[in-house]
Amino acid sequence: MERLQKWFEILAGISHEEHARLARAHAIFNSAGPNLALLEIPACWRRRAMCRR
């Protein structure tokens, strides 16, 4: 199957630069983002109490 894909890429004219650009895009956009689960808790519950006596 990989051989078929390689032949198609050769016939379609996909260059090594295109592969490098796609690999760079995958590295940027497929990386895990920040953990947003903490933001589901309301901000007033996340903050420490500001009462000082």
N, C-alpha and C. Protein backbone atom coordinates (compact mmCIF):
# COMPACT_ATOMS: atom_id res chain seq x y z
N MET A 1 0.82 -1.19 0.00
CA MET A 1 0.00 0.00 0.00
C MET A 1 0.87 1.27 0.00
N GLU A 2 1.95 1.24 0.77
CA GLU A 2 2.86 2.39 0.81
C GLU A 2 3.50 2.61 -0.55
N ARG A 3 3.79 1.51 -1.25
CA ARG A 3 4.39 1.63 -2.57
C ARG A 3 3.42 2.31 -3.54
N LEU A 4 2.13 1.95 -3.46
CA LEU A 4 1.11 2.60 -4.29
C LEU A 4 1.04 4.09 -3.99
N GLN A 5 1.07 4.44 -2.71
CA GLN A 5 1.03 5.84 -2.31
C GLN A 5 2.24 6.59 -2.86
N LYS A 6 3.41 5.97 -2.78
CA LYS A 6 4.62 6.61 -3.29
C LYS A 6 4.54 6.82 -4.79
N TRP A 7 4.03 5.82 -5.53
CA TRP A 7 3.87 5.97 -6.97
C TRP A 7 2.89 7.09 -7.30
N PHE A 8 1.80 7.15 -6.57
CA PHE A 8 0.82 8.22 -6.80
C PHE A 8 1.45 9.59 -6.57
N GLU A 9 2.22 9.70 -5.50
CA GLU A 9 2.88 10.98 -5.22
C GLU A 9 3.85 11.36 -6.33
N ILE A 10 4.53 10.37 -6.88
CA ILE A 10 5.45 10.66 -7.98
C ILE A 10 4.67 11.10 -9.20
N LEU A 11 3.60 10.40 -9.53
CA LEU A 11 2.78 10.76 -10.69
C LEU A 11 2.09 12.11 -10.51
N ALA A 12 1.61 12.39 -9.29
CA ALA A 12 0.91 13.64 -9.03
C ALA A 12 1.87 14.81 -8.90
N GLY A 13 3.13 14.54 -8.73
CA GLY A 13 4.13 15.61 -8.66
C GLY A 13 4.26 16.24 -7.28
N ILE A 14 4.00 15.47 -6.23
CA ILE A 14 4.15 15.99 -4.87
C ILE A 14 5.64 15.95 -4.52
N SER A 15 6.21 17.09 -4.26
CA SER A 15 7.65 17.19 -4.04
C SER A 15 8.03 16.97 -2.58
N HIS A 16 9.32 16.88 -2.36
CA HIS A 16 9.83 16.73 -1.00
C HIS A 16 9.54 17.97 -0.16
N GLU A 17 9.55 19.14 -0.82
CA GLU A 17 9.24 20.38 -0.09
C GLU A 17 7.80 20.37 0.40
N GLU A 18 6.91 19.82 -0.42
CA GLU A 18 5.50 19.71 -0.01
C GLU A 18 5.36 18.78 1.18
N HIS A 19 6.10 17.68 1.16
CA HIS A 19 6.07 16.76 2.30
C HIS A 19 6.60 17.43 3.56
N ALA A 20 7.66 18.21 3.42
CA ALA A 20 8.23 18.90 4.58
C ALA A 20 7.24 19.93 5.11
N ARG A 21 6.55 20.65 4.21
CA ARG A 21 5.57 21.64 4.64
C ARG A 21 4.39 20.97 5.35
N LEU A 22 3.93 19.84 4.82
CA LEU A 22 2.84 19.11 5.47
C LEU A 22 3.26 18.58 6.85
N ALA A 23 4.49 18.07 6.94
CA ALA A 23 4.98 17.57 8.22
C ALA A 23 5.07 18.69 9.25
N ARG A 24 5.51 19.88 8.81
CA ARG A 24 5.60 21.03 9.71
C ARG A 24 4.21 21.47 10.16
N ALA A 25 3.24 21.45 9.25
CA ALA A 25 1.87 21.82 9.60
C ALA A 25 1.27 20.82 10.59
N HIS A 26 1.53 19.54 10.37
CA HIS A 26 1.02 18.52 11.31
C HIS A 26 1.65 18.69 12.69
N ALA A 27 2.92 19.02 12.73
CA ALA A 27 3.61 19.22 14.01
C ALA A 27 3.02 20.40 14.77
N ILE A 28 2.64 21.44 14.04
CA ILE A 28 2.10 22.63 14.69
C ILE A 28 0.66 22.43 15.15
N PHE A 29 -0.17 21.92 14.25
CA PHE A 29 -1.61 21.90 14.53
C PHE A 29 -2.10 20.62 15.18
N ASN A 30 -1.32 19.55 15.18
CA ASN A 30 -1.74 18.30 15.82
C ASN A 30 -1.21 18.17 17.24
N SER A 31 -0.42 19.12 17.68
CA SER A 31 0.11 19.03 19.04
C SER A 31 -1.02 19.27 20.05
N ALA A 32 -0.86 18.70 21.21
CA ALA A 32 -1.87 18.86 22.25
C ALA A 32 -1.87 20.29 22.76
N GLY A 33 -3.03 20.86 22.85
CA GLY A 33 -3.16 22.23 23.31
C GLY A 33 -3.16 22.30 24.82
N PRO A 34 -3.39 23.47 25.36
CA PRO A 34 -3.42 23.61 26.82
C PRO A 34 -4.64 22.89 27.40
N ASN A 35 -4.51 22.48 28.65
CA ASN A 35 -5.59 21.80 29.35
C ASN A 35 -6.65 22.83 29.74
N LEU A 36 -7.79 22.77 29.08
CA LEU A 36 -8.85 23.75 29.34
C LEU A 36 -9.89 23.23 30.33
N ALA A 37 -9.66 22.05 30.90
CA ALA A 37 -10.61 21.49 31.84
C ALA A 37 -10.72 22.36 33.10
N LEU A 38 -9.63 23.01 33.49
CA LEU A 38 -9.66 23.86 34.68
C LEU A 38 -10.56 25.08 34.48
N LEU A 39 -10.74 25.50 33.23
CA LEU A 39 -11.56 26.68 32.97
C LEU A 39 -13.05 26.41 33.06
N GLU A 40 -13.43 25.14 33.21
CA GLU A 40 -14.84 24.81 33.36
C GLU A 40 -15.35 25.20 34.75
N ILE A 41 -14.45 25.34 35.70
CA ILE A 41 -14.80 25.79 37.05
C ILE A 41 -14.90 27.31 37.02
N PRO A 42 -15.95 27.89 37.58
CA PRO A 42 -16.07 29.35 37.57
C PRO A 42 -14.87 30.03 38.23
N ALA A 43 -14.51 31.18 37.73
CA ALA A 43 -13.33 31.90 38.21
C ALA A 43 -13.46 32.24 39.69
N CYS A 44 -14.66 32.56 40.14
CA CYS A 44 -14.82 32.92 41.56
C CYS A 44 -14.52 31.74 42.47
N TRP A 45 -14.68 30.52 41.97
CA TRP A 45 -14.37 29.34 42.78
C TRP A 45 -12.89 29.02 42.72
N ARG A 46 -12.20 29.44 41.67
CA ARG A 46 -10.77 29.16 41.52
C ARG A 46 -9.92 30.12 42.33
N ARG A 47 -10.41 31.33 42.57
CA ARG A 47 -9.62 32.34 43.29
C ARG A 47 -9.64 32.07 44.79
N ARG A 48 -8.55 32.47 45.42
CA ARG A 48 -8.51 32.38 46.88
C ARG A 48 -9.32 33.55 47.46
N ALA A 49 -9.80 33.35 48.65
CA ALA A 49 -10.58 34.40 49.31
C ALA A 49 -9.67 35.59 49.61
N MET A 50 -10.20 36.79 49.42
CA MET A 50 -9.43 38.01 49.62
C MET A 50 -9.76 38.68 50.97
N CYS A 51 -10.49 37.97 51.81
CA CYS A 51 -10.86 38.55 53.10
C CYS A 51 -9.65 38.56 54.03
N ARG A 52 -9.31 39.76 54.51
CA ARG A 52 -8.19 39.89 55.45
C ARG A 52 -8.71 40.59 56.68
N ARG A 53 -8.50 40.01 57.79
CA ARG A 53 -8.97 40.62 59.05
C ARG A 53 -7.84 40.93 59.96
